[in-house]
Amino acid sequence: MERLRKRDADAGVEEKALTDQQRAAIAEARNVCEAATAQRRIMHTTAIMTVFDPAERAERDDELRRDIERLQSERDTKIAKIHEGRA
């Protein structure tokens, strides 16, 4: 860990500690994403209970995967903004 800090210092990377407000905002972003993901998984499970066609089921699975990736991307973007101090 110390070697990484030294390498960052040599590269000019400045280490800033997160404030309590930033930590709370990051936790909130993670909780919102987790809740939205759980909700989407429940909706997906309910929707595929009536689907018997393998092609349609695969399409629904792809929709779930895309939605989860979108939610995670939004979460990561919010966290990056918080780290940069823009949020």
Protein backbone atom coordinates (compact mmCIF):
# COMPACT_ATOMS: atom_id res chain seq x y z
CA MET A 1 0.00 0.00 0.00
CA GLU A 2 2.85 2.34 0.85
CA ARG A 3 4.46 1.71 -2.54
CA LEU A 4 1.20 2.68 -4.24
CA ARG A 5 1.03 5.90 -2.24
CA LYS A 6 4.62 6.72 -3.14
CA ARG A 7 3.97 6.00 -6.82
CA ASP A 8 0.88 8.24 -6.72
CA ALA A 9 2.85 10.99 -5.00
CA ASP A 10 5.59 10.73 -7.63
CA ALA A 11 2.95 10.93 -10.38
CA GLY A 12 1.43 14.03 -8.78
CA VAL A 13 -1.80 12.37 -7.70
CA GLU A 14 -3.22 14.11 -4.67
CA GLU A 15 -4.99 12.00 -2.05
CA LYS A 16 -8.03 13.63 -0.49
CA ALA A 17 -10.01 12.16 2.36
CA LEU A 18 -13.75 12.00 1.81
CA THR A 19 -15.95 14.15 4.01
CA ASP A 20 -18.78 12.63 6.01
CA GLN A 21 -21.23 14.26 3.60
CA GLN A 22 -19.48 12.65 0.61
CA ARG A 23 -19.48 9.25 2.34
CA ALA A 24 -23.20 9.59 3.04
CA ALA A 25 -23.89 10.59 -0.58
CA ILE A 26 -21.92 7.58 -1.87
CA ALA A 27 -23.77 5.26 0.50
CA GLU A 28 -27.07 6.73 -0.69
CA ALA A 29 -26.12 6.23 -4.36
CA ARG A 30 -25.22 2.61 -3.64
CA ASN A 31 -28.44 2.00 -1.70
CA VAL A 32 -30.58 3.51 -4.46
CA CYS A 33 -28.87 1.32 -7.06
CA GLU A 34 -29.24 -1.78 -4.92
CA ALA A 35 -32.94 -1.10 -4.35
CA ALA A 36 -33.60 -0.37 -8.02
CA THR A 37 -31.73 -3.53 -9.02
CA ALA A 38 -33.74 -5.64 -6.57
CA GLN A 39 -36.98 -4.11 -7.83
CA ARG A 40 -36.00 -4.80 -11.44
CA ARG A 41 -35.09 -8.42 -10.62
CA ILE A 42 -38.46 -8.95 -8.94
CA MET A 43 -40.27 -7.48 -11.94
CA HIS A 44 -38.21 -9.72 -14.24
CA THR A 45 -39.00 -12.84 -12.23
CA THR A 46 -42.70 -12.02 -12.31
CA ALA A 47 -42.62 -11.33 -16.05
CA ILE A 48 -40.84 -14.55 -17.02
CA MET A 49 -43.23 -16.76 -15.05
CA THR A 50 -45.68 -16.53 -17.93
CA VAL A 51 -43.12 -16.75 -20.74
CA PHE A 52 -42.66 -20.17 -22.25
CA ASP A 53 -40.98 -19.25 -25.52
CA PRO A 54 -37.16 -19.59 -25.15
CA ALA A 55 -36.51 -16.71 -27.57
CA GLU A 56 -38.80 -14.36 -25.68
CA ARG A 57 -37.30 -15.46 -22.38
CA ALA A 58 -33.80 -14.75 -23.72
CA GLU A 59 -35.01 -11.31 -24.81
CA ARG A 60 -36.35 -10.62 -21.30
CA ASP A 61 -33.05 -11.81 -19.79
CA ASP A 62 -31.16 -9.43 -22.09
CA GLU A 63 -33.44 -6.56 -21.02
CA LEU A 64 -32.69 -7.35 -17.37
CA ARG A 65 -28.96 -7.45 -18.04
CA ARG A 66 -29.08 -4.09 -19.87
CA ASP A 67 -31.16 -2.48 -17.12
CA ILE A 68 -28.79 -3.67 -14.40
CA GLU A 69 -25.76 -2.46 -16.37
CA ARG A 70 -27.45 0.94 -16.83
CA LEU A 71 -28.23 1.21 -13.13
CA GLN A 72 -24.67 0.30 -12.19
CA SER A 73 -23.27 2.77 -14.71
CA GLU A 74 -25.46 5.54 -13.29
CA ARG A 75 -24.30 4.62 -9.78
CA ASP A 76 -20.64 4.70 -10.81
CA THR A 77 -21.10 8.06 -12.52
CA LYS A 78 -22.71 9.54 -9.40
CA ILE A 79 -19.93 8.19 -7.19
CA ALA A 80 -17.25 9.57 -9.53
CA LYS A 81 -18.91 13.00 -9.41
CA ILE A 82 -19.01 12.84 -5.62
CA HIS A 83 -15.30 11.97 -5.52
CA GLU A 84 -14.55 14.91 -7.81
CA GLY A 85 -16.63 17.20 -5.61
CA ARG A 86 -19.16 18.07 -8.31
CA ALA A 87 -22.19 16.55 -6.61
